[in-house]
Amino acid sequence: MHKRFQSPLDQEPIEEPLINLTPLIDVVFVILISFILIAPILEVDSVDLARGGPVEKKQLQSNSLSISVHKDNSIWYQNTRVSIQELREILKKEKKKNPHTVPQILHDQTAEFGTYQTLKNTLESVGFEQMDVILKPR
């Protein structure tokens, strides 16, 4: 019953488990390559902004579709307040009458962006491919 005393120097060094990072790196590279391949295919909405100034200032056309959004988020068509459903029906009729008309949106800067997006989606669903957004300076 003799216990042998072991000093810390006599012990075998404890090996730490090695972590193999190769599978992790492979997965990261596959994800990176998939993003690189998919990125050019994605469609992103963009708005081309016109340069300001009195020379290039776009005037309201009297025969165009004029849609206004006031600061209380109410939608007005040709100076008449309408709901989004009424506007959809009006725009369908106008699109049939004159398919090349470009609607002009006068959006109050204090109105919510959601109203603009709803209006934009309505115009797209009716078949309009372009719209003019007319902003007034502060």
C-alpha atoms as a PDB file:
ATOM      1  CA  MET A   1       0.000   0.000   0.000  1.00  0.00           C
ATOM      2  CA  HIS A   2       2.545   2.233  -0.913  1.00  0.00           C
ATOM      3  CA  LYS A   3       1.297   5.238  -2.840  1.00  0.00           C
ATOM      4  CA  ARG A   4       3.620   6.706  -5.223  1.00  0.00           C
ATOM      5  CA  PHE A   5       3.667  10.441  -5.331  1.00  0.00           C
ATOM      6  CA  GLN A   6       3.584  11.861  -8.832  1.00  0.00           C
ATOM      7  CA  SER A   7       4.928  15.253  -9.483  1.00  0.00           C
ATOM      8  CA  PRO A   8       3.335  17.463 -12.116  1.00  0.00           C
ATOM      9  CA  LEU A   9       6.388  16.981 -14.279  1.00  0.00           C
ATOM     10  CA  ASP A  10       5.883  13.220 -14.399  1.00  0.00           C
ATOM     11  CA  GLN A  11       2.366  13.460 -15.814  1.00  0.00           C
ATOM     12  CA  GLU A  12       1.741  13.090 -19.491  1.00  0.00           C
ATOM     13  CA  PRO A  13       0.679  16.310 -21.120  1.00  0.00           C
ATOM     14  CA  ILE A  14      -3.044  16.468 -21.721  1.00  0.00           C
ATOM     15  CA  GLU A  15      -3.816  16.856 -25.391  1.00  0.00           C
ATOM     16  CA  GLU A  16      -6.461  19.398 -26.248  1.00  0.00           C
ATOM     17  CA  PRO A  17      -8.933  18.161 -28.827  1.00  0.00           C
ATOM     18  CA  LEU A  18      -8.315  19.650 -32.231  1.00  0.00           C
ATOM     19  CA  ILE A  19     -11.206  21.252 -34.032  1.00  0.00           C
ATOM     20  CA  ASN A  20     -11.280  20.662 -37.744  1.00  0.00           C
ATOM     21  CA  LEU A  21     -12.313  23.953 -39.400  1.00  0.00           C
ATOM     22  CA  THR A  22     -12.239  22.654 -42.963  1.00  0.00           C
ATOM     23  CA  PRO A  23     -15.991  21.867 -43.183  1.00  0.00           C
ATOM     24  CA  LEU A  24     -16.850  25.295 -41.749  1.00  0.00           C
ATOM     25  CA  ILE A  25     -14.657  27.064 -44.278  1.00  0.00           C
ATOM     26  CA  ASP A  26     -16.156  24.985 -47.093  1.00  0.00           C
ATOM     27  CA  VAL A  27     -19.685  25.995 -46.085  1.00  0.00           C
ATOM     28  CA  VAL A  28     -18.721  29.667 -45.876  1.00  0.00           C
ATOM     29  CA  PHE A  29     -17.186  29.549 -49.354  1.00  0.00           C
ATOM     30  CA  VAL A  30     -20.275  27.846 -50.809  1.00  0.00           C
ATOM     31  CA  ILE A  31     -22.523  30.542 -49.307  1.00  0.00           C
ATOM     32  CA  LEU A  32     -20.227  33.299 -50.573  1.00  0.00           C
ATOM     33  CA  ILE A  33     -20.171  31.869 -54.095  1.00  0.00           C
ATOM     34  CA  SER A  34     -23.970  31.514 -54.094  1.00  0.00           C
ATOM     35  CA  PHE A  35     -24.336  35.200 -53.110  1.00  0.00           C
ATOM     36  CA  ILE A  36     -21.933  36.214 -55.856  1.00  0.00           C
ATOM     37  CA  LEU A  37     -23.927  34.238 -58.431  1.00  0.00           C
ATOM     38  CA  ILE A  38     -27.368  35.385 -57.236  1.00  0.00           C
ATOM     39  CA  ALA A  39     -26.635  39.105 -56.682  1.00  0.00           C
ATOM     40  CA  PRO A  40     -26.726  40.155 -60.374  1.00  0.00           C
ATOM     41  CA  ILE A  41     -30.082  38.394 -60.839  1.00  0.00           C
ATOM     42  CA  LEU A  42     -31.880  40.285 -58.045  1.00  0.00           C
ATOM     43  CA  GLU A  43     -34.160  43.130 -59.100  1.00  0.00           C
ATOM     44  CA  VAL A  44     -33.922  46.303 -57.091  1.00  0.00           C
ATOM     45  CA  ASP A  45     -36.332  49.204 -57.474  1.00  0.00           C
ATOM     46  CA  SER A  46     -34.550  52.415 -58.170  1.00  0.00           C
ATOM     47  CA  VAL A  47     -35.636  55.957 -58.696  1.00  0.00           C
ATOM     48  CA  ASP A  48     -33.795  58.177 -61.144  1.00  0.00           C
ATOM     49  CA  LEU A  49     -33.705  61.654 -59.681  1.00  0.00           C
ATOM     50  CA  ALA A  50     -33.814  64.609 -62.019  1.00  0.00           C
ATOM     51  CA  ARG A  51     -31.425  67.446 -61.476  1.00  0.00           C
ATOM     52  CA  GLY A  52     -33.038  70.445 -59.869  1.00  0.00           C
ATOM     53  CA  GLY A  53     -33.052  73.932 -61.203  1.00  0.00           C
ATOM     54  CA  PRO A  54     -35.384  76.273 -63.015  1.00  0.00           C
ATOM     55  CA  VAL A  55     -34.243  75.157 -66.480  1.00  0.00           C
ATOM     56  CA  GLU A  56     -35.143  71.495 -66.066  1.00  0.00           C
ATOM     57  CA  LYS A  57     -38.144  71.991 -63.814  1.00  0.00           C
ATOM     58  CA  LYS A  58     -40.930  69.626 -64.827  1.00  0.00           C
ATOM     59  CA  GLN A  59     -44.312  71.284 -65.069  1.00  0.00           C
ATOM     60  CA  LEU A  60     -47.638  69.622 -64.449  1.00  0.00           C
ATOM     61  CA  GLN A  61     -49.298  68.619 -67.659  1.00  0.00           C
ATOM     62  CA  SER A  62     -52.970  69.521 -67.858  1.00  0.00           C
ATOM     63  CA  ASN A  63     -53.930  66.287 -69.665  1.00  0.00           C
ATOM     64  CA  SER A  64     -51.993  63.939 -67.391  1.00  0.00           C
ATOM     65  CA  LEU A  65     -53.208  61.787 -64.545  1.00  0.00           C
ATOM     66  CA  SER A  66     -52.614  63.922 -61.487  1.00  0.00           C
ATOM     67  CA  ILE A  67     -52.657  62.029 -58.182  1.00  0.00           C
ATOM     68  CA  SER A  68     -51.974  63.878 -54.953  1.00  0.00           C
ATOM     69  CA  VAL A  69     -51.204  62.545 -51.503  1.00  0.00           C
ATOM     70  CA  HIS A  70     -51.829  65.082 -48.745  1.00  0.00           C
ATOM     71  CA  LYS A  71     -50.152  65.169 -45.359  1.00  0.00           C
ATOM     72  CA  ASP A  72     -53.097  63.315 -43.775  1.00  0.00           C
ATOM     73  CA  ASN A  73     -52.347  60.423 -46.231  1.00  0.00           C
ATOM     74  CA  SER A  74     -55.537  61.051 -48.193  1.00  0.00           C
ATOM     75  CA  ILE A  75     -55.365  60.322 -51.919  1.00  0.00           C
ATOM     76  CA  TRP A  76     -56.777  62.843 -54.391  1.00  0.00           C
ATOM     77  CA  TYR A  77     -57.337  62.236 -58.107  1.00  0.00           C
ATOM     78  CA  GLN A  78     -57.897  65.334 -60.276  1.00  0.00           C
ATOM     79  CA  ASN A  79     -58.725  67.314 -57.087  1.00  0.00           C
ATOM     80  CA  THR A  80     -61.305  64.758 -55.877  1.00  0.00           C
ATOM     81  CA  ARG A  81     -60.706  62.641 -52.788  1.00  0.00           C
ATOM     82  CA  VAL A  82     -60.793  58.899 -53.606  1.00  0.00           C
ATOM     83  CA  SER A  83     -60.096  55.624 -51.860  1.00  0.00           C
ATOM     84  CA  ILE A  84     -57.432  53.281 -53.202  1.00  0.00           C
ATOM     85  CA  GLN A  85     -60.114  50.929 -54.604  1.00  0.00           C
ATOM     86  CA  GLU A  86     -61.863  53.809 -56.429  1.00  0.00           C
ATOM     87  CA  LEU A  87     -58.514  54.972 -57.754  1.00  0.00           C
ATOM     88  CA  ARG A  88     -57.737  51.483 -59.070  1.00  0.00           C
ATOM     89  CA  GLU A  89     -60.965  51.460 -61.117  1.00  0.00           C
ATOM     90  CA  ILE A  90     -60.350  54.991 -62.418  1.00  0.00           C
ATOM     91  CA  LEU A  91     -56.786  54.096 -63.410  1.00  0.00           C
ATOM     92  CA  LYS A  92     -57.952  50.966 -65.258  1.00  0.00           C
ATOM     93  CA  LYS A  93     -60.309  53.103 -67.361  1.00  0.00           C
ATOM     94  CA  GLU A  94     -57.631  55.736 -67.982  1.00  0.00           C
ATOM     95  CA  LYS A  95     -55.097  53.065 -68.983  1.00  0.00           C
ATOM     96  CA  LYS A  96     -57.543  51.670 -71.558  1.00  0.00           C
ATOM     97  CA  LYS A  97     -58.274  55.146 -72.960  1.00  0.00           C
ATOM     98  CA  ASN A  98     -54.673  56.284 -73.174  1.00  0.00           C
ATOM     99  CA  PRO A  99     -52.093  53.529 -72.589  1.00  0.00           C
ATOM    100  CA  HIS A 100     -49.102  55.864 -73.007  1.00  0.00           C
ATOM    101  CA  THR A 101     -50.077  58.313 -70.272  1.00  0.00           C
ATOM    102  CA  VAL A 102     -47.603  58.689 -67.417  1.00  0.00           C
ATOM    103  CA  PRO A 103     -49.277  59.399 -64.059  1.00  0.00           C
ATOM    104  CA  GLN A 104     -47.904  62.266 -62.006  1.00  0.00           C
ATOM    105  CA  ILE A 105     -47.725  61.798 -58.249  1.00  0.00           C
ATOM    106  CA  LEU A 106     -47.616  64.846 -55.981  1.00  0.00           C
ATOM    107  CA  HIS A 107     -46.666  63.381 -52.609  1.00  0.00           C
ATOM    108  CA  ASP A 108     -46.571  65.589 -49.533  1.00  0.00           C
ATOM    109  CA  GLN A 109     -43.236  65.250 -47.763  1.00  0.00           C
ATOM    110  CA  THR A 110     -44.912  64.719 -44.393  1.00  0.00           C
ATOM    111  CA  ALA A 111     -47.175  61.901 -45.651  1.00  0.00           C
ATOM    112  CA  GLU A 112     -46.208  58.332 -44.834  1.00  0.00           C
ATOM    113  CA  PHE A 113     -44.048  56.274 -47.159  1.00  0.00           C
ATOM    114  CA  GLY A 114     -46.556  53.419 -46.915  1.00  0.00           C
ATOM    115  CA  THR A 115     -49.107  55.534 -48.776  1.00  0.00           C
ATOM    116  CA  TYR A 116     -46.603  56.118 -51.576  1.00  0.00           C
ATOM    117  CA  GLN A 117     -45.818  52.392 -51.742  1.00  0.00           C
ATOM    118  CA  THR A 118     -49.522  51.479 -51.874  1.00  0.00           C
ATOM    119  CA  LEU A 119     -50.033  54.003 -54.667  1.00  0.00           C
ATOM    120  CA  LYS A 120     -47.010  52.692 -56.563  1.00  0.00           C
ATOM    121  CA  ASN A 121     -48.213  49.085 -56.230  1.00  0.00           C
ATOM    122  CA  THR A 122     -51.673  50.106 -57.460  1.00  0.00           C
ATOM    123  CA  LEU A 123     -50.201  51.795 -60.531  1.00  0.00           C
ATOM    124  CA  GLU A 124     -48.089  48.717 -61.290  1.00  0.00           C
ATOM    125  CA  SER A 125     -51.032  46.346 -60.868  1.00  0.00           C
ATOM    126  CA  VAL A 126     -53.104  48.383 -63.328  1.00  0.00           C
ATOM    127  CA  GLY A 127     -50.289  48.206 -65.886  1.00  0.00           C
ATOM    128  CA  PHE A 128     -48.440  51.517 -65.680  1.00  0.00           C
ATOM    129  CA  GLU A 129     -44.701  51.072 -66.124  1.00  0.00           C
ATOM    130  CA  GLN A 130     -43.696  54.657 -65.377  1.00  0.00           C
ATOM    131  CA  MET A 131     -44.753  57.433 -63.068  1.00  0.00           C
ATOM    132  CA  ASP A 132     -43.515  60.924 -62.369  1.00  0.00           C
ATOM    133  CA  VAL A 133     -43.023  61.890 -58.747  1.00  0.00           C
ATOM    134  CA  ILE A 134     -43.195  65.646 -58.408  1.00  0.00           C
ATOM    135  CA  LEU A 135     -41.661  67.087 -55.268  1.00  0.00           C
ATOM    136  CA  LYS A 136     -41.998  70.611 -54.049  1.00  0.00           C
ATOM    137  CA  PRO A 137     -39.027  72.250 -52.330  1.00  0.00           C
ATOM    138  CA  ARG A 138     -39.401  73.030 -48.663  1.00  0.00           C
END
